[in-house]
N, C-alpha and C. Protein backbone atom coordinates (compact mmCIF):
# COMPACT_ATOMS: atom_id res chain seq x y z
N UNK A 1 14.27 65.67 1.37
CA UNK A 1 12.91 65.72 1.90
C UNK A 1 12.91 65.28 3.36
N UNK A 2 12.20 66.00 4.21
CA UNK A 2 12.12 65.61 5.62
C UNK A 2 10.80 64.91 5.89
N UNK A 3 10.74 64.33 7.05
CA UNK A 3 9.57 63.55 7.47
C UNK A 3 8.59 64.46 8.20
N UNK A 4 8.15 65.53 7.53
CA UNK A 4 7.18 66.45 8.13
C UNK A 4 5.95 66.56 7.24
N UNK A 5 4.91 67.11 7.81
CA UNK A 5 3.68 67.36 7.07
C UNK A 5 3.12 68.68 7.59
N UNK A 6 2.52 69.44 6.71
CA UNK A 6 1.99 70.75 7.07
C UNK A 6 0.53 70.60 7.49
N UNK A 7 0.23 71.14 8.66
CA UNK A 7 -1.13 71.07 9.18
C UNK A 7 -2.00 72.19 8.65
N UNK A 8 -3.26 72.18 9.03
CA UNK A 8 -4.22 73.20 8.59
C UNK A 8 -3.79 74.60 9.01
N UNK A 9 -3.01 74.70 10.08
CA UNK A 9 -2.54 76.01 10.55
C UNK A 9 -1.30 76.50 9.82
N UNK A 10 -0.84 75.72 8.84
CA UNK A 10 0.33 76.11 8.06
C UNK A 10 1.66 75.73 8.67
N UNK A 11 1.65 75.10 9.85
CA UNK A 11 2.89 74.70 10.51
C UNK A 11 3.31 73.30 10.07
N UNK A 12 4.60 73.14 9.79
CA UNK A 12 5.15 71.82 9.50
C UNK A 12 5.44 71.11 10.82
N UNK A 13 5.07 69.85 10.88
CA UNK A 13 5.27 69.06 12.09
C UNK A 13 5.79 67.68 11.73
N UNK A 14 6.33 67.00 12.74
CA UNK A 14 6.68 65.59 12.57
C UNK A 14 5.42 64.88 12.06
N UNK A 15 5.59 64.05 11.05
CA UNK A 15 4.45 63.45 10.33
C UNK A 15 3.45 62.76 11.25
N UNK A 16 3.92 62.08 12.29
CA UNK A 16 3.02 61.32 13.17
C UNK A 16 2.03 62.22 13.91
N UNK A 17 2.37 63.50 14.07
CA UNK A 17 1.55 64.40 14.89
C UNK A 17 0.16 64.64 14.32
N UNK A 18 0.00 64.48 13.02
CA UNK A 18 -1.30 64.77 12.41
C UNK A 18 -2.20 63.54 12.33
N UNK A 19 -1.77 62.43 12.93
CA UNK A 19 -2.56 61.21 12.89
C UNK A 19 -3.81 61.29 13.75
N UNK A 20 -3.82 62.20 14.73
CA UNK A 20 -4.94 62.30 15.67
C UNK A 20 -4.86 63.66 16.35
N UNK A 21 -6.01 64.30 16.64
CA UNK A 21 -5.97 65.60 17.31
C UNK A 21 -5.22 65.58 18.65
N UNK A 22 -5.31 64.49 19.39
CA UNK A 22 -4.60 64.42 20.67
C UNK A 22 -3.09 64.30 20.45
N UNK A 23 -2.69 63.57 19.39
CA UNK A 23 -1.27 63.54 19.03
C UNK A 23 -0.77 64.93 18.66
N UNK A 24 -1.58 65.69 17.94
CA UNK A 24 -1.21 67.04 17.54
C UNK A 24 -0.95 67.91 18.78
N UNK A 25 -1.87 67.87 19.74
CA UNK A 25 -1.71 68.64 20.96
C UNK A 25 -0.47 68.18 21.72
N UNK A 26 -0.31 66.86 21.85
CA UNK A 26 0.83 66.29 22.57
C UNK A 26 2.15 66.70 21.90
N UNK A 27 2.22 66.58 20.60
CA UNK A 27 3.42 66.97 19.85
C UNK A 27 3.75 68.43 20.08
N UNK A 28 2.75 69.29 19.98
CA UNK A 28 2.99 70.73 20.07
C UNK A 28 3.28 71.22 21.48
N UNK A 29 2.71 70.55 22.48
CA UNK A 29 2.80 71.05 23.85
C UNK A 29 3.71 70.25 24.78
N UNK A 30 3.94 68.99 24.49
CA UNK A 30 4.66 68.16 25.45
C UNK A 30 5.90 67.46 24.91
N UNK A 31 5.76 66.75 23.80
CA UNK A 31 6.82 65.85 23.33
C UNK A 31 8.10 66.62 23.06
N UNK A 32 9.16 66.27 23.74
CA UNK A 32 10.45 66.92 23.55
C UNK A 32 10.63 68.18 24.38
N UNK A 33 9.65 68.52 25.21
CA UNK A 33 9.76 69.69 26.07
C UNK A 33 10.35 69.24 27.41
N UNK A 34 11.46 69.85 27.85
CA UNK A 34 12.07 69.43 29.11
C UNK A 34 11.08 69.47 30.28
N UNK A 35 11.00 68.34 30.96
CA UNK A 35 10.09 68.16 32.09
C UNK A 35 10.92 67.83 33.32
N UNK A 36 10.66 68.57 34.39
CA UNK A 36 11.38 68.33 35.64
C UNK A 36 10.38 68.16 36.79
N UNK A 37 10.87 67.57 37.86
CA UNK A 37 10.08 67.37 39.07
C UNK A 37 9.86 65.89 39.34
N UNK A 38 9.93 65.51 40.59
CA UNK A 38 9.76 64.11 40.96
C UNK A 38 8.37 63.59 40.56
N UNK A 39 7.31 64.34 40.89
CA UNK A 39 5.97 63.86 40.59
C UNK A 39 5.73 63.78 39.08
N UNK A 40 6.04 64.81 38.29
CA UNK A 40 5.81 64.69 36.84
C UNK A 40 6.61 63.55 36.20
N UNK A 41 7.84 63.34 36.65
CA UNK A 41 8.64 62.26 36.07
C UNK A 41 8.17 60.89 36.56
N UNK A 42 7.68 60.82 37.79
CA UNK A 42 7.06 59.58 38.27
C UNK A 42 5.86 59.25 37.40
N UNK A 43 5.03 60.25 37.10
CA UNK A 43 3.86 60.02 36.24
C UNK A 43 4.31 59.52 34.87
N UNK A 44 5.30 60.17 34.26
CA UNK A 44 5.78 59.75 32.93
C UNK A 44 6.27 58.30 32.99
N UNK A 45 7.03 57.97 34.03
CA UNK A 45 7.55 56.61 34.16
C UNK A 45 6.39 55.61 34.22
N UNK A 46 5.38 55.93 35.00
CA UNK A 46 4.23 55.02 35.14
C UNK A 46 3.46 54.89 33.83
N UNK A 47 3.16 56.01 33.20
CA UNK A 47 2.40 55.96 31.95
C UNK A 47 3.17 55.26 30.84
N UNK A 48 4.47 55.50 30.77
CA UNK A 48 5.28 54.80 29.77
C UNK A 48 5.27 53.30 30.05
N UNK A 49 5.28 52.92 31.32
CA UNK A 49 5.19 51.51 31.67
C UNK A 49 3.86 50.90 31.26
N UNK A 50 2.77 51.64 31.45
CA UNK A 50 1.47 51.14 31.02
C UNK A 50 1.40 51.03 29.51
N UNK A 51 2.14 51.88 28.80
CA UNK A 51 2.11 51.89 27.34
C UNK A 51 2.77 50.66 26.75
N UNK A 52 3.70 50.04 27.44
CA UNK A 52 4.45 48.90 26.89
C UNK A 52 3.49 47.91 26.22
N UNK A 53 3.71 47.70 24.92
CA UNK A 53 2.89 46.78 24.15
C UNK A 53 1.66 47.41 23.54
N UNK A 54 1.44 48.69 23.78
CA UNK A 54 0.26 49.39 23.26
C UNK A 54 0.70 50.65 22.52
N UNK A 55 -0.25 51.32 21.89
CA UNK A 55 0.08 52.58 21.22
C UNK A 55 -0.01 53.72 22.23
N UNK A 56 0.81 54.75 22.03
CA UNK A 56 0.84 55.88 22.94
C UNK A 56 -0.47 56.64 22.94
N UNK A 57 -1.17 56.66 21.80
CA UNK A 57 -2.45 57.38 21.73
C UNK A 57 -3.45 56.77 22.73
N UNK A 58 -3.38 55.47 22.93
CA UNK A 58 -4.26 54.82 23.91
C UNK A 58 -4.01 55.41 25.30
N UNK A 59 -2.75 55.59 25.65
CA UNK A 59 -2.41 56.15 26.96
C UNK A 59 -2.85 57.60 27.06
N UNK A 60 -2.60 58.38 26.01
CA UNK A 60 -3.00 59.79 26.04
C UNK A 60 -4.51 59.93 26.25
N UNK A 61 -5.27 59.11 25.57
CA UNK A 61 -6.73 59.18 25.71
C UNK A 61 -7.19 58.75 27.10
N UNK A 62 -6.45 57.86 27.72
CA UNK A 62 -6.83 57.36 29.04
C UNK A 62 -6.14 58.11 30.19
N UNK A 63 -5.30 59.06 29.86
CA UNK A 63 -4.53 59.75 30.90
C UNK A 63 -5.41 60.40 31.97
N UNK A 64 -6.52 61.05 31.62
CA UNK A 64 -7.37 61.61 32.70
C UNK A 64 -7.85 60.53 33.69
N UNK A 65 -8.21 59.37 33.19
CA UNK A 65 -8.66 58.28 34.08
C UNK A 65 -7.49 57.75 34.91
N UNK A 66 -6.31 57.61 34.28
CA UNK A 66 -5.13 57.20 35.04
C UNK A 66 -4.86 58.17 36.18
N UNK A 67 -4.95 59.45 35.88
CA UNK A 67 -4.68 60.46 36.92
C UNK A 67 -5.69 60.37 38.04
N UNK A 68 -6.94 60.09 37.72
CA UNK A 68 -7.96 59.95 38.77
C UNK A 68 -7.69 58.71 39.63
N UNK A 69 -7.44 57.58 38.97
CA UNK A 69 -7.21 56.32 39.70
C UNK A 69 -5.96 56.40 40.57
N UNK A 70 -4.91 57.03 40.04
CA UNK A 70 -3.63 57.07 40.75
C UNK A 70 -3.37 58.43 41.42
N UNK A 71 -4.44 59.08 41.86
CA UNK A 71 -4.33 60.27 42.71
C UNK A 71 -3.38 61.32 42.14
N UNK A 72 -3.55 61.62 40.84
CA UNK A 72 -2.70 62.61 40.16
C UNK A 72 -1.22 62.23 40.24
N UNK A 73 -0.97 60.95 40.43
CA UNK A 73 0.39 60.41 40.52
C UNK A 73 1.20 61.04 41.65
N UNK A 74 0.50 61.31 42.74
CA UNK A 74 1.17 61.73 43.98
C UNK A 74 1.79 60.46 44.57
N UNK A 75 3.11 60.34 44.59
CA UNK A 75 3.73 59.08 45.04
C UNK A 75 3.28 58.63 46.42
N UNK A 76 3.06 59.57 47.33
CA UNK A 76 2.64 59.20 48.69
C UNK A 76 1.27 58.54 48.67
N UNK A 77 0.35 59.11 47.92
CA UNK A 77 -1.01 58.55 47.85
C UNK A 77 -1.03 57.24 47.08
N UNK A 78 -0.23 57.15 46.02
CA UNK A 78 -0.18 55.90 45.24
C UNK A 78 0.43 54.79 46.09
N UNK A 79 1.49 55.10 46.83
CA UNK A 79 2.14 54.11 47.68
C UNK A 79 1.18 53.55 48.73
N UNK A 80 0.20 54.35 49.14
CA UNK A 80 -0.75 53.94 50.17
C UNK A 80 -1.96 53.17 49.62
N UNK A 81 -2.03 52.99 48.30
CA UNK A 81 -3.18 52.28 47.73
C UNK A 81 -3.24 50.85 48.24
N UNK A 82 -4.43 50.46 48.70
CA UNK A 82 -4.62 49.12 49.24
C UNK A 82 -5.41 48.24 48.30
N UNK A 83 -5.80 47.07 48.82
CA UNK A 83 -6.48 46.07 48.01
C UNK A 83 -7.77 46.58 47.37
N UNK A 84 -8.56 47.36 48.13
CA UNK A 84 -9.82 47.86 47.57
C UNK A 84 -9.58 48.76 46.37
N UNK A 85 -8.57 49.63 46.48
CA UNK A 85 -8.27 50.53 45.36
C UNK A 85 -7.67 49.76 44.18
N UNK A 86 -6.91 48.73 44.47
CA UNK A 86 -6.35 47.91 43.40
C UNK A 86 -7.47 47.22 42.64
N UNK A 87 -8.42 46.66 43.37
CA UNK A 87 -9.56 45.98 42.72
C UNK A 87 -10.42 46.98 41.95
N UNK A 88 -10.60 48.18 42.51
CA UNK A 88 -11.35 49.22 41.78
C UNK A 88 -10.63 49.58 40.49
N UNK A 89 -9.31 49.69 40.54
CA UNK A 89 -8.53 49.98 39.34
C UNK A 89 -8.70 48.87 38.31
N UNK A 90 -8.68 47.62 38.77
CA UNK A 90 -8.85 46.48 37.86
C UNK A 90 -10.22 46.48 37.18
N UNK A 91 -11.18 47.10 37.82
CA UNK A 91 -12.52 47.17 37.24
C UNK A 91 -12.79 48.44 36.45
N UNK A 92 -11.81 49.34 36.38
CA UNK A 92 -12.00 50.64 35.74
C UNK A 92 -11.64 50.55 34.25
N UNK A 93 -12.64 50.62 33.38
CA UNK A 93 -12.40 50.50 31.94
C UNK A 93 -11.69 51.73 31.38
N UNK A 94 -11.56 52.77 32.18
CA UNK A 94 -10.90 54.00 31.73
C UNK A 94 -9.38 53.89 31.69
N UNK A 95 -8.82 52.84 32.31
CA UNK A 95 -7.36 52.66 32.32
C UNK A 95 -7.02 51.31 31.69
N UNK A 96 -5.74 51.02 31.61
CA UNK A 96 -5.27 49.70 31.17
C UNK A 96 -5.33 48.80 32.40
N UNK A 97 -6.18 47.80 32.35
CA UNK A 97 -6.42 46.96 33.52
C UNK A 97 -5.47 45.77 33.53
N UNK A 98 -4.23 46.06 33.84
CA UNK A 98 -3.19 45.05 33.90
C UNK A 98 -2.68 45.03 35.35
N UNK A 99 -2.97 43.95 36.04
CA UNK A 99 -2.64 43.87 37.47
C UNK A 99 -1.14 44.06 37.72
N UNK A 100 -0.30 43.45 36.90
CA UNK A 100 1.14 43.59 37.10
C UNK A 100 1.58 45.05 36.98
N UNK A 101 1.00 45.77 36.03
CA UNK A 101 1.37 47.18 35.84
C UNK A 101 0.80 48.05 36.97
N UNK A 102 -0.38 47.73 37.45
CA UNK A 102 -0.97 48.47 38.57
C UNK A 102 -0.11 48.26 39.82
N UNK A 103 0.23 47.01 40.10
CA UNK A 103 1.06 46.71 41.28
C UNK A 103 2.45 47.34 41.14
N UNK A 104 2.98 47.33 39.94
CA UNK A 104 4.28 47.95 39.72
C UNK A 104 4.22 49.45 39.96
N UNK A 105 3.13 50.09 39.57
CA UNK A 105 2.97 51.53 39.80
C UNK A 105 3.01 51.83 41.29
N UNK A 106 2.36 51.00 42.08
CA UNK A 106 2.35 51.19 43.54
C UNK A 106 3.75 50.95 44.10
N UNK A 107 4.42 49.89 43.65
CA UNK A 107 5.79 49.62 44.11
C UNK A 107 6.72 50.76 43.69
N UNK A 108 6.58 51.24 42.46
CA UNK A 108 7.42 52.34 41.99
C UNK A 108 7.19 53.61 42.81
N UNK A 109 5.95 53.80 43.27
CA UNK A 109 5.66 54.96 44.13
C UNK A 109 6.40 54.83 45.46
N UNK A 110 6.40 53.62 46.02
CA UNK A 110 7.11 53.39 47.29
C UNK A 110 8.60 53.64 47.11
N UNK A 111 9.15 53.17 46.00
CA UNK A 111 10.57 53.36 45.73
C UNK A 111 10.89 54.84 45.49
N UNK A 112 9.98 55.53 44.84
CA UNK A 112 10.16 56.98 44.62
C UNK A 112 10.18 57.71 45.95
N UNK A 113 9.28 57.33 46.86
CA UNK A 113 9.26 57.95 48.19
C UNK A 113 10.56 57.69 48.94
N UNK A 114 11.04 56.45 48.88
CA UNK A 114 12.31 56.13 49.54
C UNK A 114 13.44 57.00 49.00
N UNK A 115 13.44 57.18 47.69
CA UNK A 115 14.50 57.94 47.02
C UNK A 115 14.42 59.43 47.34
N UNK A 116 13.20 59.95 47.43
CA UNK A 116 13.02 61.41 47.55
C UNK A 116 12.71 61.89 48.97
N UNK A 117 12.43 60.98 49.88
CA UNK A 117 12.02 61.36 51.25
C UNK A 117 12.96 62.38 51.87
N UNK A 118 14.23 62.08 51.88
CA UNK A 118 15.22 62.99 52.49
C UNK A 118 15.94 63.83 51.45
N UNK A 119 15.55 63.64 50.19
CA UNK A 119 16.24 64.35 49.11
C UNK A 119 15.26 64.68 48.00
N UNK A 120 14.37 65.68 48.24
CA UNK A 120 13.44 66.07 47.18
C UNK A 120 14.21 66.42 45.90
N UNK A 121 13.67 65.95 44.79
CA UNK A 121 14.33 66.18 43.51
C UNK A 121 15.25 65.04 43.09
N UNK A 122 15.37 64.02 43.94
CA UNK A 122 16.32 62.93 43.66
C UNK A 122 15.91 62.10 42.45
N UNK A 123 14.60 61.88 42.24
CA UNK A 123 14.18 61.12 41.06
C UNK A 123 14.47 61.92 39.80
N UNK A 124 14.16 63.20 39.84
CA UNK A 124 14.46 64.10 38.72
C UNK A 124 15.96 64.06 38.41
N UNK A 125 16.76 64.22 39.45
CA UNK A 125 18.21 64.24 39.29
C UNK A 125 18.72 62.91 38.71
N UNK A 126 18.20 61.82 39.24
CA UNK A 126 18.61 60.49 38.76
C UNK A 126 18.28 60.32 37.28
N UNK A 127 17.04 60.60 36.91
CA UNK A 127 16.63 60.39 35.52
C UNK A 127 17.39 61.30 34.56
N UNK A 128 17.50 62.57 34.93
CA UNK A 128 18.18 63.52 34.05
C UNK A 128 19.68 63.25 33.96
N UNK A 129 20.23 62.50 34.90
CA UNK A 129 21.67 62.19 34.83
C UNK A 129 21.98 61.30 33.62
N UNK A 130 20.96 60.69 33.04
CA UNK A 130 21.13 59.83 31.88
C UNK A 130 20.83 60.54 30.56
N UNK A 131 20.44 61.81 30.62
CA UNK A 131 20.14 62.55 29.39
C UNK A 131 21.40 62.66 28.55
N UNK A 132 21.32 62.29 27.29
CA UNK A 132 22.52 62.37 26.44
C UNK A 132 22.82 63.82 26.06
N UNK A 133 24.03 64.03 25.59
CA UNK A 133 24.38 65.35 25.05
C UNK A 133 23.50 65.59 23.82
N UNK A 134 23.12 66.84 23.59
CA UNK A 134 22.29 67.13 22.40
C UNK A 134 22.99 66.66 21.13
N UNK A 135 22.20 66.18 20.18
CA UNK A 135 22.76 65.77 18.89
C UNK A 135 23.37 66.97 18.18
N UNK A 136 24.43 66.71 17.45
CA UNK A 136 25.04 67.80 16.67
C UNK A 136 24.33 67.99 15.35
N UNK A 137 23.59 66.98 14.92
CA UNK A 137 22.85 67.07 13.66
C UNK A 137 21.43 66.56 13.88
N UNK A 138 20.45 67.36 13.51
CA UNK A 138 19.04 66.98 13.68
C UNK A 138 18.68 65.85 12.73
N UNK A 139 17.84 64.94 13.20
CA UNK A 139 17.36 63.84 12.36
C UNK A 139 16.43 64.40 11.28
N UNK A 140 16.42 63.75 10.13
CA UNK A 140 15.55 64.21 9.03
C UNK A 140 14.35 63.29 8.85
N UNK A 141 14.38 62.12 9.48
CA UNK A 141 13.30 61.16 9.31
C UNK A 141 13.06 60.42 10.62
N UNK A 142 11.82 60.09 10.88
CA UNK A 142 11.49 59.32 12.08
C UNK A 142 12.12 57.93 12.01
N UNK A 143 12.44 57.45 10.80
CA UNK A 143 13.09 56.14 10.68
C UNK A 143 14.50 56.17 11.27
N UNK A 144 15.05 57.36 11.48
CA UNK A 144 16.38 57.49 12.09
C UNK A 144 16.32 57.49 13.62
N UNK A 145 15.14 57.61 14.16
CA UNK A 145 14.99 57.67 15.62
C UNK A 145 15.23 56.27 16.21
N UNK A 146 16.16 56.16 17.13
CA UNK A 146 16.43 54.84 17.72
C UNK A 146 15.32 54.42 18.67
N UNK A 147 15.21 53.12 18.89
CA UNK A 147 14.28 52.60 19.89
C UNK A 147 14.95 52.51 21.25
N UNK A 148 16.26 52.31 21.23
CA UNK A 148 17.07 52.14 22.44
C UNK A 148 18.39 52.85 22.20
N UNK A 149 18.93 53.44 23.25
CA UNK A 149 20.25 54.06 23.18
C UNK A 149 21.08 53.57 24.36
N UNK A 150 22.37 53.86 24.34
CA UNK A 150 23.21 53.50 25.48
C UNK A 150 22.68 54.15 26.75
N UNK A 151 22.20 55.39 26.62
CA UNK A 151 21.69 56.12 27.80
C UNK A 151 20.41 55.49 28.33
N UNK A 152 19.50 55.08 27.43
CA UNK A 152 18.26 54.46 27.92
C UNK A 152 18.54 53.08 28.52
N UNK A 153 19.52 52.39 27.97
CA UNK A 153 19.94 51.11 28.57
C UNK A 153 20.48 51.34 29.98
N UNK A 154 21.32 52.36 30.13
CA UNK A 154 21.91 52.66 31.44
C UNK A 154 20.84 53.09 32.44
N UNK A 155 19.89 53.94 32.00
CA UNK A 155 18.81 54.37 32.89
C UNK A 155 17.98 53.17 33.33
N UNK A 156 17.63 52.32 32.38
CA UNK A 156 16.84 51.14 32.68
C UNK A 156 17.56 50.24 33.69
N UNK A 157 18.84 50.02 33.45
CA UNK A 157 19.63 49.16 34.34
C UNK A 157 19.67 49.72 35.76
N UNK A 158 19.88 51.03 35.88
CA UNK A 158 19.95 51.65 37.20
C UNK A 158 18.59 51.58 37.92
N UNK A 159 17.52 51.89 37.21
CA UNK A 159 16.19 51.84 37.83
C UNK A 159 15.83 50.41 38.24
N UNK A 160 16.14 49.45 37.38
CA UNK A 160 15.87 48.05 37.72
C UNK A 160 16.67 47.62 38.94
N UNK A 161 17.93 48.06 38.99
CA UNK A 161 18.78 47.73 40.14
C UNK A 161 18.16 48.25 41.44
N UNK A 162 17.48 49.37 41.34
CA UNK A 162 16.83 49.97 42.52
C UNK A 162 15.45 49.35 42.80
N UNK A 163 14.99 48.43 41.92
CA UNK A 163 13.74 47.73 42.15
C UNK A 163 12.56 48.21 41.34
N UNK A 164 12.72 49.26 40.53
CA UNK A 164 11.61 49.77 39.73
C UNK A 164 11.23 48.76 38.65
N UNK A 165 9.93 48.75 38.31
CA UNK A 165 9.42 47.82 37.31
C UNK A 165 8.88 48.54 36.09
N UNK A 166 8.79 47.80 35.00
CA UNK A 166 8.30 48.30 33.71
C UNK A 166 9.11 49.53 33.27
N UNK A 167 10.42 49.39 33.36
CA UNK A 167 11.34 50.46 33.01
C UNK A 167 12.41 49.93 32.04
N UNK A 168 11.97 49.14 31.06
CA UNK A 168 12.90 48.60 30.08
C UNK A 168 13.55 49.69 29.25
N UNK A 169 14.61 49.38 28.53
CA UNK A 169 15.35 50.40 27.77
C UNK A 169 14.53 51.09 26.68
N UNK A 170 13.63 50.38 26.02
CA UNK A 170 12.78 51.02 25.01
C UNK A 170 11.80 51.96 25.69
N UNK A 171 11.22 51.52 26.79
CA UNK A 171 10.30 52.35 27.56
C UNK A 171 11.01 53.60 28.08
N UNK A 172 12.25 53.44 28.52
CA UNK A 172 12.99 54.59 29.03
C UNK A 172 13.41 55.54 27.91
N UNK A 173 13.64 55.03 26.70
CA UNK A 173 13.92 55.96 25.60
C UNK A 173 12.66 56.76 25.27
N UNK A 174 11.50 56.11 25.30
CA UNK A 174 10.25 56.83 25.07
C UNK A 174 10.05 57.91 26.14
N UNK A 175 10.41 57.59 27.39
CA UNK A 175 10.33 58.60 28.45
C UNK A 175 11.29 59.75 28.16
N UNK A 176 12.49 59.44 27.71
CA UNK A 176 13.46 60.48 27.39
C UNK A 176 12.92 61.42 26.31
N UNK A 177 12.24 60.87 25.32
CA UNK A 177 11.63 61.69 24.28
C UNK A 177 10.51 62.54 24.86
N UNK A 178 9.63 61.90 25.60
CA UNK A 178 8.46 62.57 26.16
C UNK A 178 8.85 63.68 27.12
N UNK A 179 9.89 63.42 27.93
CA UNK A 179 10.30 64.39 28.96
C UNK A 179 11.36 65.36 28.46
N UNK A 180 11.65 65.33 27.17
CA UNK A 180 12.57 66.31 26.60
C UNK A 180 14.04 66.06 26.92
N UNK A 181 14.38 64.88 27.39
CA UNK A 181 15.79 64.56 27.61
C UNK A 181 16.51 64.39 26.27
N UNK A 182 15.73 64.02 25.27
CA UNK A 182 16.20 64.02 23.89
C UNK A 182 15.17 64.79 23.07
N UNK A 183 15.61 65.37 21.98
CA UNK A 183 14.72 66.13 21.10
C UNK A 183 14.74 65.46 19.73
N UNK A 184 13.71 64.66 19.47
CA UNK A 184 13.63 63.92 18.21
C UNK A 184 12.69 64.57 17.19
N UNK A 185 12.36 65.85 17.39
CA UNK A 185 11.62 66.56 16.33
C UNK A 185 12.53 66.62 15.12
N UNK A 186 12.00 66.25 13.96
CA UNK A 186 12.84 66.17 12.75
C UNK A 186 13.01 67.53 12.08
N UNK A 187 14.03 67.61 11.25
CA UNK A 187 14.31 68.83 10.50
C UNK A 187 13.04 69.27 9.76
N UNK A 188 12.74 70.54 9.88
CA UNK A 188 11.56 71.09 9.22
C UNK A 188 10.37 71.23 10.13
N UNK A 189 10.33 70.49 11.25
CA UNK A 189 9.23 70.61 12.22
C UNK A 189 9.37 71.95 12.95
N UNK A 190 8.26 72.63 13.16
CA UNK A 190 8.31 73.92 13.82
C UNK A 190 8.82 73.81 15.26
N UNK A 191 8.72 72.63 15.84
CA UNK A 191 9.22 72.43 17.21
C UNK A 191 10.72 72.17 17.26
N UNK A 192 11.34 71.86 16.13
CA UNK A 192 12.77 71.59 16.11
C UNK A 192 13.53 72.82 16.53
N UNK A 193 14.44 72.68 17.47
CA UNK A 193 15.22 73.82 17.95
C UNK A 193 16.13 74.32 16.84
């Protein structure tokens, strides 16, 4: 038996996907789909950092507000955010109002700009350099999905060495799943390759 459930449309999916309509959309359209580009991966890094200690559905529901507050995660605009915008973000109930995470997002934007200024695609290249080889056998249960891997530990260590914040190994494994660096759709899910 696999860890899937059949939805109203007759498709089998990873069991967690049917917990909420937004999870269903996210599972079907984003989770495990290869994502490239400095800006999209910067956004994923930031949102995964905000998620630390919370459920992912909270972030998905607040993503439109995050995008508004953080200028669609344009690193140049985020890096330029000043005290007034920081205070406005702290007062915005549409996002996670954690000052350390807000300040880290701005710092991570500055670091992303330093990395990509003379080398567009450098953040993408750096992150994808840690993508593991595809599994030879698909997982059959979400209980088999690791929280941390050697690759997520290495990615976290490298990003921390460069000064990035809220990029712990568990957070980076979640990013790897979200950005399709790993494919954790279980056997029987229609999204499983």
